[in-house]
């Protein structure tokens, strides 16, 4: 998904700089807050993207704190840039996870495509840029799990002052996306049925989704409207 060798080299250079000297800039979520301000205490349609590092707990135990922090910073920085580059916003950084949102009120299909492209792009960046540089600097490589879902989420203000109080997103979409990410295999992009349904009749695109059947102990979420298991799909 990288557009050129030059882009890959630029990312590698930025990753190396972060490893040696720390982050070049603050990983702000201000742009997301500006978007959410317009929807405070109301519902908004969006694609939720959750990417988390697999095995980070063991990594945090095995590595000196400074090295583990460096890996998280590299991952968070490059994932943030990928999300912004596809028209999304970073909602927040949660430990070893990055949560992104892609507004979908006006063009749900386009928002889904952007989120899917971002997901595949992050996997390419990790395998082609981040991991080679980590390896060259005697740091463990990272592997991630990716979960996406599309739907209506409530934007909630925790306070009175919209400029100062925390703003967050709650509701079934973000909860399901988190569960999907946990159910995903390493380096897999796993999406929920609501997102897949947007492309179900698009023969030029739907072949990229493969229905995934998981055992009940890994996935047992039931869609309330139908009473059936909420289907999952691997995006290729």
C-alpha atoms as a PDB file:
ATOM      1  CA  UNK A   1       0.000   0.000   0.000  1.00  0.00           C
ATOM      2  CA  UNK A   2       3.026   2.293   0.045  1.00  0.00           C
ATOM      3  CA  UNK A   3       2.906   4.548  -3.000  1.00  0.00           C
ATOM      4  CA  UNK A   4       6.637   4.621  -3.714  1.00  0.00           C
ATOM      5  CA  UNK A   5      10.110   3.612  -2.616  1.00  0.00           C
ATOM      6  CA  UNK A   6      10.695   7.251  -1.744  1.00  0.00           C
ATOM      7  CA  UNK A   7       7.765   7.236   0.674  1.00  0.00           C
ATOM      8  CA  UNK A   8       9.096   4.077   2.330  1.00  0.00           C
ATOM      9  CA  UNK A   9      12.518   5.664   2.744  1.00  0.00           C
ATOM     10  CA  UNK A  10      10.970   8.777   4.288  1.00  0.00           C
ATOM     11  CA  UNK A  11       9.054   6.678   6.795  1.00  0.00           C
ATOM     12  CA  UNK A  12      12.150   4.639   7.647  1.00  0.00           C
ATOM     13  CA  UNK A  13      14.118   7.846   8.217  1.00  0.00           C
ATOM     14  CA  UNK A  14      11.409   9.196  10.521  1.00  0.00           C
ATOM     15  CA  UNK A  15      11.263   5.911  12.455  1.00  0.00           C
ATOM     16  CA  UNK A  16      15.045   5.916  12.891  1.00  0.00           C
ATOM     17  CA  UNK A  17      14.949   9.531  14.084  1.00  0.00           C
ATOM     18  CA  UNK A  18      12.290   8.627  16.653  1.00  0.00           C
ATOM     19  CA  UNK A  19      14.326   5.673  17.924  1.00  0.00           C
ATOM     20  CA  UNK A  20      17.471   7.750  18.331  1.00  0.00           C
ATOM     21  CA  UNK A  21      16.102  11.148  19.364  1.00  0.00           C
ATOM     22  CA  UNK A  22      12.465  10.713  20.363  1.00  0.00           C
ATOM     23  CA  UNK A  23       9.317  12.006  18.737  1.00  0.00           C
ATOM     24  CA  UNK A  24       9.635  14.949  16.371  1.00  0.00           C
ATOM     25  CA  UNK A  25       6.219  16.378  17.313  1.00  0.00           C
ATOM     26  CA  UNK A  26       3.403  15.924  19.809  1.00  0.00           C
ATOM     27  CA  UNK A  27       0.873  13.244  18.906  1.00  0.00           C
ATOM     28  CA  UNK A  28      -2.095  15.560  19.294  1.00  0.00           C
ATOM     29  CA  UNK A  29      -5.749  14.555  19.027  1.00  0.00           C
ATOM     30  CA  UNK A  30      -6.906  18.192  18.759  1.00  0.00           C
ATOM     31  CA  UNK A  31      -8.199  17.769  15.197  1.00  0.00           C
ATOM     32  CA  UNK A  32     -10.484  14.993  16.363  1.00  0.00           C
ATOM     33  CA  UNK A  33     -11.773  17.100  19.238  1.00  0.00           C
ATOM     34  CA  UNK A  34     -12.613  19.922  16.817  1.00  0.00           C
ATOM     35  CA  UNK A  35     -14.673  17.474  14.769  1.00  0.00           C
ATOM     36  CA  UNK A  36     -16.389  15.992  17.818  1.00  0.00           C
ATOM     37  CA  UNK A  37     -17.314  19.448  19.152  1.00  0.00           C
ATOM     38  CA  UNK A  38     -19.791  19.773  16.296  1.00  0.00           C
ATOM     39  CA  UNK A  39     -21.610  16.627  17.441  1.00  0.00           C
ATOM     40  CA  UNK A  40     -21.547  16.936  21.234  1.00  0.00           C
ATOM     41  CA  UNK A  41     -24.299  14.990  22.994  1.00  0.00           C
ATOM     42  CA  UNK A  42     -25.681  13.717  19.702  1.00  0.00           C
ATOM     43  CA  UNK A  43     -25.226  10.713  17.444  1.00  0.00           C
ATOM     44  CA  UNK A  44     -22.784  10.657  14.540  1.00  0.00           C
ATOM     45  CA  UNK A  45     -22.231   8.002  11.894  1.00  0.00           C
ATOM     46  CA  UNK A  46     -18.599   6.923  11.698  1.00  0.00           C
ATOM     47  CA  UNK A  47     -16.235   4.073  10.991  1.00  0.00           C
ATOM     48  CA  UNK A  48     -14.288   2.992  14.062  1.00  0.00           C
ATOM     49  CA  UNK A  49     -10.771   1.642  13.536  1.00  0.00           C
ATOM     50  CA  UNK A  50      -8.818   0.009  16.353  1.00  0.00           C
ATOM     51  CA  UNK A  51      -5.235  -1.154  15.915  1.00  0.00           C
ATOM     52  CA  UNK A  52      -3.362  -2.730  18.801  1.00  0.00           C
ATOM     53  CA  UNK A  53       0.019  -4.335  19.246  1.00  0.00           C
ATOM     54  CA  UNK A  54      -0.094  -8.072  19.805  1.00  0.00           C
ATOM     55  CA  UNK A  55       1.925  -9.373  22.756  1.00  0.00           C
ATOM     56  CA  UNK A  56       2.657  -5.953  24.204  1.00  0.00           C
ATOM     57  CA  UNK A  57       2.310  -7.151  27.802  1.00  0.00           C
ATOM     58  CA  UNK A  58       5.149  -9.635  27.399  1.00  0.00           C
ATOM     59  CA  UNK A  59       7.145  -6.984  25.564  1.00  0.00           C
ATOM     60  CA  UNK A  60       6.686  -4.511  28.425  1.00  0.00           C
ATOM     61  CA  UNK A  61       8.004  -7.103  30.888  1.00  0.00           C
ATOM     62  CA  UNK A  62      10.986  -8.160  28.785  1.00  0.00           C
ATOM     63  CA  UNK A  63      12.201  -4.719  27.694  1.00  0.00           C
ATOM     64  CA  UNK A  64      13.656  -1.790  29.620  1.00  0.00           C
ATOM     65  CA  UNK A  65      10.958   0.902  30.000  1.00  0.00           C
ATOM     66  CA  UNK A  66      12.737   3.333  27.685  1.00  0.00           C
ATOM     67  CA  UNK A  67      12.890   0.819  24.827  1.00  0.00           C
ATOM     68  CA  UNK A  68       9.269  -0.227  25.242  1.00  0.00           C
ATOM     69  CA  UNK A  69       8.240   3.436  25.262  1.00  0.00           C
ATOM     70  CA  UNK A  70      10.194   3.992  22.046  1.00  0.00           C
ATOM     71  CA  UNK A  71       8.360   1.148  20.295  1.00  0.00           C
ATOM     72  CA  UNK A  72       4.979   2.522  21.394  1.00  0.00           C
ATOM     73  CA  UNK A  73       5.957   6.005  20.212  1.00  0.00           C
ATOM     74  CA  UNK A  74       7.039   4.761  16.789  1.00  0.00           C
ATOM     75  CA  UNK A  75       3.861   2.709  16.371  1.00  0.00           C
ATOM     76  CA  UNK A  76       1.585   5.518  17.550  1.00  0.00           C
ATOM     77  CA  UNK A  77       3.287   8.159  15.418  1.00  0.00           C
ATOM     78  CA  UNK A  78       3.127   6.204  12.162  1.00  0.00           C
ATOM     79  CA  UNK A  79      -0.414   4.942  12.773  1.00  0.00           C
ATOM     80  CA  UNK A  80      -1.585   8.483  13.516  1.00  0.00           C
ATOM     81  CA  UNK A  81      -0.063   9.791  10.293  1.00  0.00           C
ATOM     82  CA  UNK A  82      -1.662   6.961   8.300  1.00  0.00           C
ATOM     83  CA  UNK A  83      -5.098   7.705   9.772  1.00  0.00           C
ATOM     84  CA  UNK A  84      -4.826  11.429   9.064  1.00  0.00           C
ATOM     85  CA  UNK A  85      -3.529  10.697   5.567  1.00  0.00           C
ATOM     86  CA  UNK A  86      -6.738   8.804   4.778  1.00  0.00           C
ATOM     87  CA  UNK A  87      -9.050  11.538   6.037  1.00  0.00           C
ATOM     88  CA  UNK A  88      -9.605  10.146   9.523  1.00  0.00           C
ATOM     89  CA  UNK A  89      -9.011  11.430  13.030  1.00  0.00           C
ATOM     90  CA  UNK A  90      -7.189   9.882  15.968  1.00  0.00           C
ATOM     91  CA  UNK A  91      -9.717   9.631  18.781  1.00  0.00           C
ATOM     92  CA  UNK A  92      -7.192   8.542  21.391  1.00  0.00           C
ATOM     93  CA  UNK A  93      -4.158   6.480  22.281  1.00  0.00           C
ATOM     94  CA  UNK A  94      -4.937   3.745  24.801  1.00  0.00           C
ATOM     95  CA  UNK A  95      -1.832   1.928  25.980  1.00  0.00           C
ATOM     96  CA  UNK A  96      -0.741  -0.210  23.039  1.00  0.00           C
ATOM     97  CA  UNK A  97      -3.767   0.744  20.904  1.00  0.00           C
ATOM     98  CA  UNK A  98      -4.654   3.565  18.554  1.00  0.00           C
ATOM     99  CA  UNK A  99      -8.327   4.334  17.969  1.00  0.00           C
ATOM    100  CA  UNK A 100      -9.261   6.208  14.814  1.00  0.00           C
ATOM    101  CA  UNK A 101     -12.574   7.470  13.483  1.00  0.00           C
ATOM    102  CA  UNK A 102     -13.668   8.197   9.924  1.00  0.00           C
ATOM    103  CA  UNK A 103     -16.762  10.436   9.610  1.00  0.00           C
ATOM    104  CA  UNK A 104     -19.402   8.686   7.513  1.00  0.00           C
ATOM    105  CA  UNK A 105     -22.497  10.880   7.652  1.00  0.00           C
ATOM    106  CA  UNK A 106     -22.285  12.111   4.075  1.00  0.00           C
ATOM    107  CA  UNK A 107     -20.565   9.228   2.261  1.00  0.00           C
ATOM    108  CA  UNK A 108     -20.527   6.017   4.258  1.00  0.00           C
ATOM    109  CA  UNK A 109     -18.926   3.964   1.489  1.00  0.00           C
ATOM    110  CA  UNK A 110     -16.066   6.421   1.006  1.00  0.00           C
ATOM    111  CA  UNK A 111     -15.407   6.529   4.750  1.00  0.00           C
ATOM    112  CA  UNK A 112     -15.259   2.728   4.845  1.00  0.00           C
ATOM    113  CA  UNK A 113     -12.869   2.597   1.878  1.00  0.00           C
ATOM    114  CA  UNK A 114     -10.627   5.178   3.549  1.00  0.00           C
ATOM    115  CA  UNK A 115     -10.579   3.190   6.792  1.00  0.00           C
ATOM    116  CA  UNK A 116      -9.855  -0.069   4.964  1.00  0.00           C
ATOM    117  CA  UNK A 117      -7.060   1.545   2.939  1.00  0.00           C
ATOM    118  CA  UNK A 118      -5.638   2.959   6.150  1.00  0.00           C
ATOM    119  CA  UNK A 119      -5.694  -0.487   7.768  1.00  0.00           C
ATOM    120  CA  UNK A 120      -3.844  -2.160   4.906  1.00  0.00           C
ATOM    121  CA  UNK A 121      -1.487   0.807   4.746  1.00  0.00           C
ATOM    122  CA  UNK A 122      -0.558   0.485   8.413  1.00  0.00           C
ATOM    123  CA  UNK A 123       0.213  -3.214   7.930  1.00  0.00           C
ATOM    124  CA  UNK A 124       2.484  -2.339   4.987  1.00  0.00           C
ATOM    125  CA  UNK A 125       4.209   0.422   6.942  1.00  0.00           C
ATOM    126  CA  UNK A 126       4.869  -1.934   9.843  1.00  0.00           C
ATOM    127  CA  UNK A 127       6.234  -4.775   7.699  1.00  0.00           C
ATOM    128  CA  UNK A 128       8.199  -2.678   5.187  1.00  0.00           C
ATOM    129  CA  UNK A 129       9.344   0.297   7.256  1.00  0.00           C
ATOM    130  CA  UNK A 130       8.950   0.015  11.022  1.00  0.00           C
ATOM    131  CA  UNK A 131      10.028  -3.583  11.609  1.00  0.00           C
ATOM    132  CA  UNK A 132      13.186  -3.455   9.457  1.00  0.00           C
ATOM    133  CA  UNK A 133      14.359  -0.366  11.352  1.00  0.00           C
ATOM    134  CA  UNK A 134      13.458  -1.865  14.733  1.00  0.00           C
ATOM    135  CA  UNK A 135      15.377  -5.016  13.821  1.00  0.00           C
ATOM    136  CA  UNK A 136      18.421  -3.051  12.687  1.00  0.00           C
ATOM    137  CA  UNK A 137      18.437  -1.285  16.055  1.00  0.00           C
ATOM    138  CA  UNK A 138      18.146  -4.501  18.085  1.00  0.00           C
ATOM    139  CA  UNK A 139      14.529  -3.928  19.073  1.00  0.00           C
ATOM    140  CA  UNK A 140      11.753  -6.522  18.764  1.00  0.00           C
ATOM    141  CA  UNK A 141       9.485  -6.236  15.754  1.00  0.00           C
ATOM    142  CA  UNK A 142       5.777  -5.593  16.247  1.00  0.00           C
ATOM    143  CA  UNK A 143       2.670  -7.351  15.014  1.00  0.00           C
ATOM    144  CA  UNK A 144      -0.802  -5.913  15.233  1.00  0.00           C
ATOM    145  CA  UNK A 145      -4.469  -6.820  15.168  1.00  0.00           C
ATOM    146  CA  UNK A 146      -6.984  -4.602  13.404  1.00  0.00           C
ATOM    147  CA  UNK A 147     -10.726  -4.300  13.991  1.00  0.00           C
ATOM    148  CA  UNK A 148     -13.263  -2.091  12.200  1.00  0.00           C
ATOM    149  CA  UNK A 149     -16.963  -1.462  12.446  1.00  0.00           C
ATOM    150  CA  UNK A 150     -19.333   1.147  11.056  1.00  0.00           C
ATOM    151  CA  UNK A 151     -22.396   2.637  12.691  1.00  0.00           C
ATOM    152  CA  UNK A 152     -23.878   5.330  14.879  1.00  0.00           C
ATOM    153  CA  UNK A 153     -21.936   6.469  17.922  1.00  0.00           C
ATOM    154  CA  UNK A 154     -22.809   8.924  20.666  1.00  0.00           C
ATOM    155  CA  UNK A 155     -20.421  11.848  21.093  1.00  0.00           C
ATOM    156  CA  UNK A 156     -20.485  12.702  24.777  1.00  0.00           C
ATOM    157  CA  UNK A 157     -19.109  15.740  26.619  1.00  0.00           C
ATOM    158  CA  UNK A 158     -17.866  15.020  30.131  1.00  0.00           C
ATOM    159  CA  UNK A 159     -18.445  18.482  31.559  1.00  0.00           C
ATOM    160  CA  UNK A 160     -19.924  21.882  30.692  1.00  0.00           C
ATOM    161  CA  UNK A 161     -17.179  23.685  28.797  1.00  0.00           C
ATOM    162  CA  UNK A 162     -16.806  22.223  25.315  1.00  0.00           C
ATOM    163  CA  UNK A 163     -13.314  23.709  24.994  1.00  0.00           C
ATOM    164  CA  UNK A 164     -11.988  22.217  28.236  1.00  0.00           C
ATOM    165  CA  UNK A 165     -13.984  19.132  29.168  1.00  0.00           C
ATOM    166  CA  UNK A 166     -13.109  15.703  27.762  1.00  0.00           C
ATOM    167  CA  UNK A 167     -15.101  14.518  24.745  1.00  0.00           C
ATOM    168  CA  UNK A 168     -15.416  10.839  23.913  1.00  0.00           C
ATOM    169  CA  UNK A 169     -17.293   8.421  21.684  1.00  0.00           C
ATOM    170  CA  UNK A 170     -19.468   5.678  23.163  1.00  0.00           C
ATOM    171  CA  UNK A 171     -21.924   3.131  21.855  1.00  0.00           C
ATOM    172  CA  UNK A 172     -22.100  -0.274  20.216  1.00  0.00           C
ATOM    173  CA  UNK A 173     -19.835   0.493  17.231  1.00  0.00           C
ATOM    174  CA  UNK A 174     -16.743   1.292  19.278  1.00  0.00           C
ATOM    175  CA  UNK A 175     -17.440  -1.567  21.693  1.00  0.00           C
ATOM    176  CA  UNK A 176     -17.856  -4.029  18.828  1.00  0.00           C
ATOM    177  CA  UNK A 177     -14.762  -2.717  17.018  1.00  0.00           C
ATOM    178  CA  UNK A 178     -12.743  -3.335  20.179  1.00  0.00           C
ATOM    179  CA  UNK A 179     -14.062  -6.891  20.442  1.00  0.00           C
ATOM    180  CA  UNK A 180     -13.347  -7.456  16.734  1.00  0.00           C
ATOM    181  CA  UNK A 181      -9.742  -6.295  17.157  1.00  0.00           C
ATOM    182  CA  UNK A 182      -9.332  -8.727  20.059  1.00  0.00           C
ATOM    183  CA  UNK A 183     -10.721 -11.560  17.919  1.00  0.00           C
ATOM    184  CA  UNK A 184      -8.501 -10.777  14.917  1.00  0.00           C
ATOM    185  CA  UNK A 185      -5.473 -12.856  14.075  1.00  0.00           C
ATOM    186  CA  UNK A 186      -2.025 -11.299  13.947  1.00  0.00           C
ATOM    187  CA  UNK A 187      -1.708  -8.856  11.046  1.00  0.00           C
ATOM    188  CA  UNK A 188      -5.321  -9.435  10.027  1.00  0.00           C
ATOM    189  CA  UNK A 189      -7.866  -6.738   9.156  1.00  0.00           C
ATOM    190  CA  UNK A 190     -11.162  -7.991  10.588  1.00  0.00           C
ATOM    191  CA  UNK A 191     -14.406  -6.085   9.986  1.00  0.00           C
ATOM    192  CA  UNK A 192     -17.944  -6.313  11.263  1.00  0.00           C
ATOM    193  CA  UNK A 193     -21.097  -7.143   9.357  1.00  0.00           C
ATOM    194  CA  UNK A 194     -22.311  -3.523   9.314  1.00  0.00           C
ATOM    195  CA  UNK A 195     -19.253  -2.491   7.339  1.00  0.00           C
ATOM    196  CA  UNK A 196     -19.374  -5.505   5.036  1.00  0.00           C
ATOM    197  CA  UNK A 197     -23.050  -4.902   4.222  1.00  0.00           C
ATOM    198  CA  UNK A 198     -22.138  -1.557   2.638  1.00  0.00           C
ATOM    199  CA  UNK A 199     -20.193  -3.463  -0.042  1.00  0.00           C
ATOM    200  CA  UNK A 200     -22.296  -6.637  -0.234  1.00  0.00           C
ATOM    201  CA  UNK A 201     -23.856  -5.683  -3.592  1.00  0.00           C
ATOM    202  CA  UNK A 202     -20.647  -4.198  -5.040  1.00  0.00           C
ATOM    203  CA  UNK A 203     -19.190  -7.007  -7.152  1.00  0.00           C
ATOM    204  CA  UNK A 204     -16.091  -4.942  -7.911  1.00  0.00           C
ATOM    205  CA  UNK A 205     -15.201  -4.799  -4.213  1.00  0.00           C
ATOM    206  CA  UNK A 206     -16.966  -7.478  -2.177  1.00  0.00           C
ATOM    207  CA  UNK A 207     -14.598 -10.249  -3.326  1.00  0.00           C
ATOM    208  CA  UNK A 208     -12.000  -8.728  -0.999  1.00  0.00           C
ATOM    209  CA  UNK A 209     -14.000  -9.823   2.051  1.00  0.00           C
ATOM    210  CA  UNK A 210     -13.859 -13.399   3.332  1.00  0.00           C
ATOM    211  CA  UNK A 211     -16.413 -14.553   5.890  1.00  0.00           C
ATOM    212  CA  UNK A 212     -14.715 -15.758   9.073  1.00  0.00           C
ATOM    213  CA  UNK A 213     -16.278 -18.300  11.422  1.00  0.00           C
ATOM    214  CA  UNK A 214     -14.847 -18.281  14.929  1.00  0.00           C
ATOM    215  CA  UNK A 215     -15.579 -20.614  17.851  1.00  0.00           C
ATOM    216  CA  UNK A 216     -18.091 -19.330  20.399  1.00  0.00           C
ATOM    217  CA  UNK A 217     -15.420 -18.747  23.012  1.00  0.00           C
ATOM    218  CA  UNK A 218     -13.747 -16.236  20.668  1.00  0.00           C
ATOM    219  CA  UNK A 219     -16.811 -14.586  19.134  1.00  0.00           C
ATOM    220  CA  UNK A 220     -20.421 -14.852  20.285  1.00  0.00           C
ATOM    221  CA  UNK A 221     -21.861 -11.379  19.791  1.00  0.00           C
ATOM    222  CA  UNK A 222     -25.488 -11.538  18.639  1.00  0.00           C
ATOM    223  CA  UNK A 223     -27.005  -8.814  16.464  1.00  0.00           C
ATOM    224  CA  UNK A 224     -30.050  -7.577  18.444  1.00  0.00           C
ATOM    225  CA  UNK A 225     -32.174  -6.828  15.361  1.00  0.00           C
ATOM    226  CA  UNK A 226     -31.907 -10.366  13.983  1.00  0.00           C
ATOM    227  CA  UNK A 227     -30.965 -12.565  16.922  1.00  0.00           C
ATOM    228  CA  UNK A 228     -28.192 -14.056  14.786  1.00  0.00           C
ATOM    229  CA  UNK A 229     -24.437 -14.035  15.290  1.00  0.00           C
ATOM    230  CA  UNK A 230     -22.903 -10.776  14.082  1.00  0.00           C
ATOM    231  CA  UNK A 231     -20.799 -11.898  11.126  1.00  0.00           C
ATOM    232  CA  UNK A 232     -17.100 -11.091  10.768  1.00  0.00           C
ATOM    233  CA  UNK A 233     -15.086 -10.713   7.571  1.00  0.00           C
ATOM    234  CA  UNK A 234     -11.377 -10.681   6.855  1.00  0.00           C
ATOM    235  CA  UNK A 235     -10.410  -7.907   4.438  1.00  0.00           C
ATOM    236  CA  UNK A 236      -7.694  -8.834   1.951  1.00  0.00           C
END
